[in-house]
Amino acid sequence: MSIENQIKLKSNVNYIKFLRENSHWYKYLNRSNQYFKDFENEVKTTYKLRPADKISQAIDTFDMIQTVLTTLKQ
């Protein structure tokens, strides 16, 4: 594995956590640097770190707050 990828992995807690849970990624990351982008996408998808996921979470939170407020008004 390249030094650059090792530094990226160690600087991000989510990467380390994901690697421990999905150890098969070590094999791919050791084989080629091209797999690192796929690894990043997989981490973002699994932990819901994509912008679309964050927007969806914000909308869900807003809906929950709105429901609570309407319940309290009645």
PDB file of N, CA and C in Angstrom:
ATOM      1  N   MET A   1       0.857  -1.173   0.000  1.00  0.00           N
ATOM      2  CA  MET A   1       0.000   0.000   0.000  1.00  0.00           C
ATOM      3  C   MET A   1       0.904   1.237   0.000  1.00  0.00           C
ATOM      4  N   SER A   2       0.518   2.225  -0.759  1.00  0.00           N
ATOM      5  CA  SER A   2       1.352   3.417  -0.863  1.00  0.00           C
ATOM      6  C   SER A   2       1.310   4.224   0.429  1.00  0.00           C
ATOM      7  N   ILE A   3       2.324   5.016   0.621  1.00  0.00           N
ATOM      8  CA  ILE A   3       2.429   5.861   1.806  1.00  0.00           C
ATOM      9  C   ILE A   3       1.283   6.872   1.841  1.00  0.00           C
ATOM     10  N   GLU A   4       0.921   7.399   0.682  1.00  0.00           N
ATOM     11  CA  GLU A   4      -0.177   8.372   0.613  1.00  0.00           C
ATOM     12  C   GLU A   4      -1.482   7.771   1.118  1.00  0.00           C
ATOM     13  N   ASN A   5      -1.764   6.545   0.691  1.00  0.00           N
ATOM     14  CA  ASN A   5      -2.987   5.877   1.138  1.00  0.00           C
ATOM     15  C   ASN A   5      -2.940   5.571   2.628  1.00  0.00           C
ATOM     16  N   GLN A   6      -1.809   5.207   3.128  1.00  0.00           N
ATOM     17  CA  GLN A   6      -1.671   4.938   4.561  1.00  0.00           C
ATOM     18  C   GLN A   6      -1.939   6.197   5.374  1.00  0.00           C
ATOM     19  N   ILE A   7      -1.438   7.320   4.895  1.00  0.00           N
ATOM     20  CA  ILE A   7      -1.662   8.587   5.592  1.00  0.00           C
ATOM     21  C   ILE A   7      -3.145   8.953   5.556  1.00  0.00           C
ATOM     22  N   LYS A   8      -3.790   8.763   4.403  1.00  0.00           N
ATOM     23  CA  LYS A   8      -5.224   9.044   4.291  1.00  0.00           C
ATOM     24  C   LYS A   8      -6.026   8.159   5.238  1.00  0.00           C
ATOM     25  N   LEU A   9      -5.663   6.890   5.316  1.00  0.00           N
ATOM     26  CA  LEU A   9      -6.378   5.954   6.186  1.00  0.00           C
ATOM     27  C   LEU A   9      -6.241   6.338   7.656  1.00  0.00           C
ATOM     28  N   LYS A  10      -5.034   6.667   8.046  1.00  0.00           N
ATOM     29  CA  LYS A  10      -4.790   6.978   9.457  1.00  0.00           C
ATOM     30  C   LYS A  10      -5.350   8.329   9.874  1.00  0.00           C
ATOM     31  N   SER A  11      -5.595   9.197   8.922  1.00  0.00           N
ATOM     32  CA  SER A  11      -6.112  10.522   9.260  1.00  0.00           C
ATOM     33  C   SER A  11      -7.638  10.546   9.371  1.00  0.00           C
ATOM     34  N   ASN A  12      -8.297   9.463   8.980  1.00  0.00           N
ATOM     35  CA  ASN A  12      -9.755   9.431   9.004  1.00  0.00           C
ATOM     36  C   ASN A  12     -10.231   8.267   9.867  1.00  0.00           C
ATOM     37  N   VAL A  13     -10.945   8.568  10.920  1.00  0.00           N
ATOM     38  CA  VAL A  13     -11.417   7.546  11.859  1.00  0.00           C
ATOM     39  C   VAL A  13     -12.408   6.597  11.184  1.00  0.00           C
ATOM     40  N   ASN A  14     -13.235   7.119  10.303  1.00  0.00           N
ATOM     41  CA  ASN A  14     -14.217   6.276   9.616  1.00  0.00           C
ATOM     42  C   ASN A  14     -13.547   5.242   8.722  1.00  0.00           C
ATOM     43  N   TYR A  15     -12.441   5.606   8.102  1.00  0.00           N
ATOM     44  CA  TYR A  15     -11.720   4.654   7.258  1.00  0.00           C
ATOM     45  C   TYR A  15     -11.185   3.498   8.090  1.00  0.00           C
ATOM     46  N   ILE A  16     -10.596   3.820   9.222  1.00  0.00           N
ATOM     47  CA  ILE A  16     -10.032   2.789  10.090  1.00  0.00           C
ATOM     48  C   ILE A  16     -11.137   1.869  10.599  1.00  0.00           C
ATOM     49  N   LYS A  17     -12.233   2.458  11.037  1.00  0.00           N
ATOM     50  CA  LYS A  17     -13.359   1.671  11.533  1.00  0.00           C
ATOM     51  C   LYS A  17     -13.900   0.749  10.448  1.00  0.00           C
ATOM     52  N   PHE A  18     -14.061   1.286   9.240  1.00  0.00           N
ATOM     53  CA  PHE A  18     -14.591   0.488   8.134  1.00  0.00           C
ATOM     54  C   PHE A  18     -13.637  -0.652   7.789  1.00  0.00           C
ATOM     55  N   LEU A  19     -12.346  -0.385   7.780  1.00  0.00           N
ATOM     56  CA  LEU A  19     -11.370  -1.433   7.475  1.00  0.00           C
ATOM     57  C   LEU A  19     -11.415  -2.550   8.507  1.00  0.00           C
ATOM     58  N   ARG A  20     -11.606  -2.212   9.749  1.00  0.00           N
ATOM     59  CA  ARG A  20     -11.685  -3.243  10.788  1.00  0.00           C
ATOM     60  C   ARG A  20     -12.936  -4.087  10.630  1.00  0.00           C
ATOM     61  N   GLU A  21     -14.018  -3.469  10.179  1.00  0.00           N
ATOM     62  CA  GLU A  21     -15.264  -4.211   9.987  1.00  0.00           C
ATOM     63  C   GLU A  21     -15.275  -4.992   8.676  1.00  0.00           C
ATOM     64  N   ASN A  22     -14.547  -4.519   7.689  1.00  0.00           N
ATOM     65  CA  ASN A  22     -14.517  -5.136   6.353  1.00  0.00           C
ATOM     66  C   ASN A  22     -13.066  -5.356   5.933  1.00  0.00           C
ATOM     67  N   SER A  23     -12.443  -6.326   6.526  1.00  0.00           N
ATOM     68  CA  SER A  23     -11.006  -6.522   6.328  1.00  0.00           C
ATOM     69  C   SER A  23     -10.636  -6.950   4.908  1.00  0.00           C
ATOM     70  N   HIS A  24     -11.595  -7.384   4.112  1.00  0.00           N
ATOM     71  CA  HIS A  24     -11.267  -7.764   2.735  1.00  0.00           C
ATOM     72  C   HIS A  24     -10.749  -6.583   1.921  1.00  0.00           C
ATOM     73  N   TRP A  25     -11.025  -5.370   2.376  1.00  0.00           N
ATOM     74  CA  TRP A  25     -10.540  -4.191   1.656  1.00  0.00           C
ATOM     75  C   TRP A  25      -9.024  -4.040   1.746  1.00  0.00           C
ATOM     76  N   TYR A  26      -8.392  -4.617   2.772  1.00  0.00           N
ATOM     77  CA  TYR A  26      -6.929  -4.565   2.856  1.00  0.00           C
ATOM     78  C   TYR A  26      -6.303  -5.151   1.596  1.00  0.00           C
ATOM     79  N   LYS A  27      -6.859  -6.257   1.143  1.00  0.00           N
ATOM     80  CA  LYS A  27      -6.337  -6.938  -0.040  1.00  0.00           C
ATOM     81  C   LYS A  27      -6.376  -6.015  -1.259  1.00  0.00           C
ATOM     82  N   TYR A  28      -7.502  -5.366  -1.458  1.00  0.00           N
ATOM     83  CA  TYR A  28      -7.640  -4.488  -2.624  1.00  0.00           C
ATOM     84  C   TYR A  28      -6.743  -3.253  -2.517  1.00  0.00           C
ATOM     85  N   LEU A  29      -6.676  -2.686  -1.328  1.00  0.00           N
ATOM     86  CA  LEU A  29      -5.855  -1.482  -1.161  1.00  0.00           C
ATOM     87  C   LEU A  29      -4.370  -1.792  -1.304  1.00  0.00           C
ATOM     88  N   ASN A  30      -3.967  -2.981  -0.941  1.00  0.00           N
ATOM     89  CA  ASN A  30      -2.567  -3.375  -1.110  1.00  0.00           C
ATOM     90  C   ASN A  30      -2.230  -3.662  -2.558  1.00  0.00           C
ATOM     91  N   ARG A  31      -3.198  -4.095  -3.326  1.00  0.00           N
ATOM     92  CA  ARG A  31      -2.949  -4.440  -4.728  1.00  0.00           C
ATOM     93  C   ARG A  31      -2.723  -3.226  -5.608  1.00  0.00           C
ATOM     94  N   SER A  32      -3.563  -2.218  -5.458  1.00  0.00           N
ATOM     95  CA  SER A  32      -3.480  -1.089  -6.371  1.00  0.00           C
ATOM     96  C   SER A  32      -4.049   0.171  -5.718  1.00  0.00           C
ATOM     97  N   ASN A  33      -3.493   1.310  -6.108  1.00  0.00           N
ATOM     98  CA  ASN A  33      -3.981   2.591  -5.605  1.00  0.00           C
ATOM     99  C   ASN A  33      -5.317   2.976  -6.230  1.00  0.00           C
ATOM    100  N   GLN A  34      -5.664   2.335  -7.323  1.00  0.00           N
ATOM    101  CA  GLN A  34      -6.913   2.652  -8.015  1.00  0.00           C
ATOM    102  C   GLN A  34      -8.138   2.275  -7.189  1.00  0.00           C
ATOM    103  N   TYR A  35      -7.997   1.342  -6.270  1.00  0.00           N
ATOM    104  CA  TYR A  35      -9.131   0.896  -5.464  1.00  0.00           C
ATOM    105  C   TYR A  35      -9.480   1.866  -4.340  1.00  0.00           C
ATOM    106  N   PHE A  36      -8.610   2.825  -4.078  1.00  0.00           N
ATOM    107  CA  PHE A  36      -8.858   3.714  -2.949  1.00  0.00           C
ATOM    108  C   PHE A  36     -10.118   4.551  -3.160  1.00  0.00           C
ATOM    109  N   LYS A  37     -10.374   4.974  -4.369  1.00  0.00           N
ATOM    110  CA  LYS A  37     -11.585   5.759  -4.663  1.00  0.00           C
ATOM    111  C   LYS A  37     -12.835   4.911  -4.416  1.00  0.00           C
ATOM    112  N   ASP A  38     -12.786   3.642  -4.821  1.00  0.00           N
ATOM    113  CA  ASP A  38     -13.910   2.736  -4.554  1.00  0.00           C
ATOM    114  C   ASP A  38     -14.098   2.535  -3.055  1.00  0.00           C
ATOM    115  N   PHE A  39     -12.983   2.439  -2.353  1.00  0.00           N
ATOM    116  CA  PHE A  39     -13.029   2.293  -0.902  1.00  0.00           C
ATOM    117  C   PHE A  39     -13.688   3.505  -0.256  1.00  0.00           C
ATOM    118  N   GLU A  40     -13.290   4.696  -0.683  1.00  0.00           N
ATOM    119  CA  GLU A  40     -13.887   5.924  -0.142  1.00  0.00           C
ATOM    120  C   GLU A  40     -15.392   5.977  -0.396  1.00  0.00           C
ATOM    121  N   ASN A  41     -15.796   5.619  -1.592  1.00  0.00           N
ATOM    122  CA  ASN A  41     -17.224   5.620  -1.914  1.00  0.00           C
ATOM    123  C   ASN A  41     -17.989   4.615  -1.068  1.00  0.00           C
ATOM    124  N   GLU A  42     -17.399   3.463  -0.843  1.00  0.00           N
ATOM    125  CA  GLU A  42     -18.046   2.438  -0.019  1.00  0.00           C
ATOM    126  C   GLU A  42     -18.205   2.908   1.427  1.00  0.00           C
ATOM    127  N   VAL A  43     -17.184   3.586   1.950  1.00  0.00           N
ATOM    128  CA  VAL A  43     -17.252   4.127   3.317  1.00  0.00           C
ATOM    129  C   VAL A  43     -18.357   5.172   3.406  1.00  0.00           C
ATOM    130  N   LYS A  44     -18.402   6.075   2.442  1.00  0.00           N
ATOM    131  CA  LYS A  44     -19.418   7.133   2.448  1.00  0.00           C
ATOM    132  C   LYS A  44     -20.822   6.559   2.335  1.00  0.00           C
ATOM    133  N   THR A  45     -20.978   5.523   1.537  1.00  0.00           N
ATOM    134  CA  THR A  45     -22.289   4.891   1.383  1.00  0.00           C
ATOM    135  C   THR A  45     -22.692   4.165   2.661  1.00  0.00           C
ATOM    136  N   THR A  46     -21.772   3.447   3.248  1.00  0.00           N
ATOM    137  CA  THR A  46     -22.069   2.662   4.451  1.00  0.00           C
ATOM    138  C   THR A  46     -22.409   3.551   5.635  1.00  0.00           C
ATOM    139  N   TYR A  47     -21.629   4.592   5.851  1.00  0.00           N
ATOM    140  CA  TYR A  47     -21.832   5.465   7.006  1.00  0.00           C
ATOM    141  C   TYR A  47     -22.715   6.674   6.695  1.00  0.00           C
ATOM    142  N   LYS A  48     -23.286   6.686   5.498  1.00  0.00           N
ATOM    143  CA  LYS A  48     -24.197   7.748   5.067  1.00  0.00           C
ATOM    144  C   LYS A  48     -23.574   9.138   5.216  1.00  0.00           C
ATOM    145  N   LEU A  49     -22.442   9.311   4.562  1.00  0.00           N
ATOM    146  CA  LEU A  49     -21.703  10.570   4.613  1.00  0.00           C
ATOM    147  C   LEU A  49     -21.808  11.361   3.309  1.00  0.00           C
ATOM    148  N   ARG A  50     -22.598  10.872   2.389  1.00  0.00           N
ATOM    149  CA  ARG A  50     -22.777  11.582   1.124  1.00  0.00           C
ATOM    150  C   ARG A  50     -23.669  12.800   1.348  1.00  0.00           C
ATOM    151  N   PRO A  51     -23.549  13.820   0.503  1.00  0.00           N
ATOM    152  CA  PRO A  51     -24.406  15.009   0.656  1.00  0.00           C
ATOM    153  C   PRO A  51     -25.902  14.684   0.606  1.00  0.00           C
ATOM    154  N   ALA A  52     -26.291  13.762  -0.249  1.00  0.00           N
ATOM    155  CA  ALA A  52     -27.705  13.389  -0.340  1.00  0.00           C
ATOM    156  C   ALA A  52     -28.196  12.776   0.973  1.00  0.00           C
ATOM    157  N   ASP A  53     -27.349  11.996   1.614  1.00  0.00           N
ATOM    158  CA  ASP A  53     -27.718  11.395   2.901  1.00  0.00           C
ATOM    159  C   ASP A  53     -27.869  12.455   3.985  1.00  0.00           C
ATOM    160  N   LYS A  54     -26.990  13.439   3.962  1.00  0.00           N
ATOM    161  CA  LYS A  54     -27.062  14.505   4.965  1.00  0.00           C
ATOM    162  C   LYS A  54     -28.315  15.353   4.783  1.00  0.00           C
ATOM    163  N   ILE A  55     -28.668  15.621   3.530  1.00  0.00           N
ATOM    164  CA  ILE A  55     -29.885  16.389   3.258  1.00  0.00           C
ATOM    165  C   ILE A  55     -31.106  15.600   3.706  1.00  0.00           C
ATOM    166  N   SER A  56     -31.116  14.325   3.417  1.00  0.00           N
ATOM    167  CA  SER A  56     -32.225  13.472   3.821  1.00  0.00           C
ATOM    168  C   SER A  56     -32.362  13.424   5.341  1.00  0.00           C
ATOM    169  N   GLN A  57     -31.241  13.342   6.020  1.00  0.00           N
ATOM    170  CA  GLN A  57     -31.258  13.331   7.490  1.00  0.00           C
ATOM    171  C   GLN A  57     -31.779  14.661   8.032  1.00  0.00           C
ATOM    172  N   ALA A  58     -31.386  15.767   7.421  1.00  0.00           N
ATOM    173  CA  ALA A  58     -31.862  17.077   7.863  1.00  0.00           C
ATOM    174  C   ALA A  58     -33.368  17.205   7.648  1.00  0.00           C
ATOM    175  N   ILE A  59     -33.858  16.716   6.529  1.00  0.00           N
ATOM    176  CA  ILE A  59     -35.297  16.758   6.256  1.00  0.00           C
ATOM    177  C   ILE A  59     -36.055  15.904   7.265  1.00  0.00           C
ATOM    178  N   ASP A  60     -35.524  14.723   7.568  1.00  0.00           N
ATOM    179  CA  ASP A  60     -36.171  13.857   8.559  1.00  0.00           C
ATOM    180  C   ASP A  60     -36.220  14.519   9.933  1.00  0.00           C
ATOM    181  N   THR A  61     -35.142  15.194  10.307  1.00  0.00           N
ATOM    182  CA  THR A  61     -35.099  15.890  11.585  1.00  0.00           C
ATOM    183  C   THR A  61     -36.114  17.025  11.611  1.00  0.00           C
ATOM    184  N   PHE A  62     -36.190  17.766  10.519  1.00  0.00           N
ATOM    185  CA  PHE A  62     -37.163  18.859  10.420  1.00  0.00           C
ATOM    186  C   PHE A  62     -38.590  18.329  10.524  1.00  0.00           C
ATOM    187  N   ASP A  63     -38.881  17.237   9.844  1.00  0.00           N
ATOM    188  CA  ASP A  63     -40.210  16.636   9.910  1.00  0.00           C
ATOM    189  C   ASP A  63     -40.554  16.188  11.331  1.00  0.00           C
ATOM    190  N   MET A  64     -39.574  15.627  12.028  1.00  0.00           N
ATOM    191  CA  MET A  64     -39.798  15.183  13.395  1.00  0.00           C
ATOM    192  C   MET A  64     -40.107  16.375  14.304  1.00  0.00           C
ATOM    193  N   ILE A  65     -39.343  17.439  14.151  1.00  0.00           N
ATOM    194  CA  ILE A  65     -39.566  18.641  14.962  1.00  0.00           C
ATOM    195  C   ILE A  65     -40.936  19.234  14.657  1.00  0.00           C
ATOM    196  N   GLN A  66     -41.289  19.264  13.388  1.00  0.00           N
ATOM    197  CA  GLN A  66     -42.595  19.788  12.990  1.00  0.00           C
ATOM    198  C   GLN A  66     -43.728  18.952  13.586  1.00  0.00           C
ATOM    199  N   THR A  67     -43.572  17.650  13.601  1.00  0.00           N
ATOM    200  CA  THR A  67     -44.582  16.766  14.176  1.00  0.00           C
ATOM    201  C   THR A  67     -44.723  16.996  15.679  1.00  0.00           C
ATOM    202  N   VAL A  68     -43.611  17.144  16.355  1.00  0.00           N
ATOM    203  CA  VAL A  68     -43.634  17.390  17.801  1.00  0.00           C
ATOM    204  C   VAL A  68     -44.318  18.727  18.097  1.00  0.00           C
ATOM    205  N   LEU A  69     -43.974  19.740  17.327  1.00  0.00           N
ATOM    206  CA  LEU A  69     -44.571  21.057  17.568  1.00  0.00           C
ATOM    207  C   LEU A  69     -46.072  21.080  17.300  1.00  0.00           C
ATOM    208  N   THR A  70     -46.511  20.383  16.254  1.00  0.00           N
ATOM    209  CA  THR A  70     -47.937  20.340  15.969  1.00  0.00           C
ATOM    210  C   THR A  70     -48.679  19.534  17.035  1.00  0.00           C
ATOM    211  N   THR A  71     -48.034  18.532  17.574  1.00  0.00           N
ATOM    212  CA  THR A  71     -48.640  17.736  18.642  1.00  0.00           C
ATOM    213  C   THR A  71     -48.773  18.569  19.914  1.00  0.00           C
ATOM    214  N   LEU A  72     -47.778  19.385  20.199  1.00  0.00           N
ATOM    215  CA  LEU A  72     -47.805  20.208  21.400  1.00  0.00           C
ATOM    216  C   LEU A  72     -48.848  21.318  21.293  1.00  0.00           C
ATOM    217  N   LYS A  73     -49.086  21.828  20.103  1.00  0.00           N
ATOM    218  CA  LYS A  73     -50.079  22.887  19.897  1.00  0.00           C
ATOM    219  C   LYS A  73     -51.488  22.393  20.194  1.00  0.00           C
ATOM    220  N   GLN A  74     -51.746  21.153  19.868  1.00  0.00           N
ATOM    221  CA  GLN A  74     -53.101  20.615  20.031  1.00  0.00           C
ATOM    222  C   GLN A  74     -53.308  20.282  21.439  1.00  0.00           C
TER     223      GLN A  74
END
